[in-house]
Protein backbone atom coordinates (compact mmCIF):
# COMPACT_ATOMS: atom_id res chain seq x y z
CA MET A 1 127.29 8.10 68.02
CA ALA A 2 128.58 9.81 71.18
CA THR A 3 129.43 12.83 69.08
CA ALA A 4 125.92 12.93 67.63
CA LYS A 5 124.41 12.79 71.15
CA LYS A 6 126.76 15.53 72.29
CA GLN A 7 125.82 17.72 69.33
CA GLY A 8 122.13 17.02 69.95
CA SER A 9 122.50 17.96 73.62
CA GLU A 10 124.36 21.14 72.70
CA ALA A 11 121.65 22.03 70.19
CA GLU A 12 118.96 21.46 72.83
CA LEU A 13 120.94 23.53 75.32
CA GLU A 14 121.35 26.34 72.79
CA ALA A 15 117.63 26.19 71.97
CA SER A 16 116.81 26.33 75.69
CA LYS A 17 119.10 29.33 76.15
CA GLN A 18 117.46 31.07 73.20
CA SER A 19 114.01 30.32 74.63
CA ALA A 20 115.07 31.66 78.02
CA ARG A 21 116.43 34.87 76.41
CA GLU A 22 113.18 35.39 74.50
CA ALA A 23 111.14 34.80 77.65
CA LEU A 24 113.33 37.27 79.55
CA ASP A 25 112.93 39.88 76.81
CA LYS A 26 109.14 39.47 76.90
CA LEU A 27 109.15 39.69 80.69
CA LEU A 28 111.21 42.89 80.64
CA GLU A 29 108.90 44.37 78.03
CA ALA A 30 105.86 43.45 80.11
CA LYS A 31 107.52 44.97 83.18
CA ASP A 32 108.04 48.24 81.31
CA HIS A 33 104.40 48.28 80.19
CA PHE A 34 103.24 47.56 83.74
CA ARG A 35 105.48 50.29 85.17
CA HIS A 36 104.15 52.78 82.63
CA ALA A 37 100.54 51.88 83.45
CA ALA A 38 101.24 52.16 87.17
CA GLU A 39 102.81 55.58 86.71
CA ILE A 40 99.79 56.79 84.76
CA ALA A 41 97.41 55.40 87.40
CA GLY A 42 99.56 56.88 90.16
CA LEU A 43 99.36 60.29 88.59
CA ASP A 44 95.58 60.01 88.41
CA VAL A 45 95.42 59.00 92.08
CA LYS A 46 97.70 61.88 93.06
CA ALA A 47 95.55 64.37 91.16
CA GLU A 48 92.37 63.05 92.79
CA ALA A 49 93.97 63.12 96.24
CA LEU A 50 95.14 66.70 95.72
CA ASP A 51 91.66 67.71 94.58
CA GLN A 52 90.09 66.11 97.68
CA LEU A 53 92.68 67.84 99.89
CA VAL A 54 91.82 71.24 98.41
CA LYS A 55 88.08 70.56 98.83
CA GLY A 56 88.64 69.48 102.44
CA LYS A 57 90.69 72.58 103.20
CA ASP A 58 88.00 74.82 101.70
CA LYS A 59 85.31 73.06 103.76
CA ALA A 60 87.40 73.42 106.94
CA ASP A 61 87.90 77.12 106.22
CA ASP A 62 84.14 77.57 105.73
CA LEU A 63 83.35 75.77 108.99
CA THR A 64 85.97 77.80 110.85
CA GLY A 65 84.47 81.03 109.50
CA SER A 66 80.98 79.93 110.53
CA ALA A 67 82.17 79.04 114.03
CA ILE A 68 83.92 82.39 114.44
CA GLU A 69 80.76 84.26 113.35
CA TYR A 70 78.64 82.23 115.79
CA VAL A 71 81.00 82.96 118.68
CA LYS A 72 80.95 86.69 117.87
CA GLU A 73 77.15 86.76 117.62
CA LYS A 74 76.41 84.58 120.68
CA PRO A 75 79.42 84.45 123.02
CA ALA A 76 77.49 83.18 126.06
CA GLN A 77 75.96 80.25 124.15
CA ALA A 78 79.33 79.44 122.58
CA LEU A 79 80.93 79.36 126.02
CA ALA A 80 78.14 77.15 127.39
CA ILE A 81 78.44 74.74 124.45
CA ALA A 82 82.22 74.57 124.92
CA PHE A 83 81.80 73.90 128.65
CA VAL A 84 79.23 71.13 128.11
CA GLY A 85 81.30 69.59 125.34
CA GLY A 86 84.41 69.60 127.52
CA TYR A 87 82.49 68.08 130.43
CA VAL A 88 81.06 65.30 128.25
CA LEU A 89 84.48 64.50 126.77
CA SER A 90 86.08 64.46 130.23
CA LYS A 91 83.46 61.94 131.40
CA ILE A 92 83.95 59.78 128.32
CA PHE A 93 87.73 59.68 128.61
CA SER A 94 88.05 59.56 132.40
CA ARG A 95 89.15 56.25 133.87
CA ASN A 96 86.64 56.24 136.71
């Protein structure tokens, strides 16, 4: 009778080990699928970020070109705008 209980316990233990191995295999497989999906999504995000960076750089270049043209065409107004802008910023950020 003790031997039968021992064999039953060993069989349950072996079944539990087998179940745990199967669960681990499924978990590892799921992890691989998740990693693959994350890599694909990450590549999409990187491509979108790079596209936005290029668009932003182009926009900044356009604005810089426009500002340079304005300063060349109207230097006195550009100087006055810069002075007023600097004065306003100094008042905003001064501690008084």
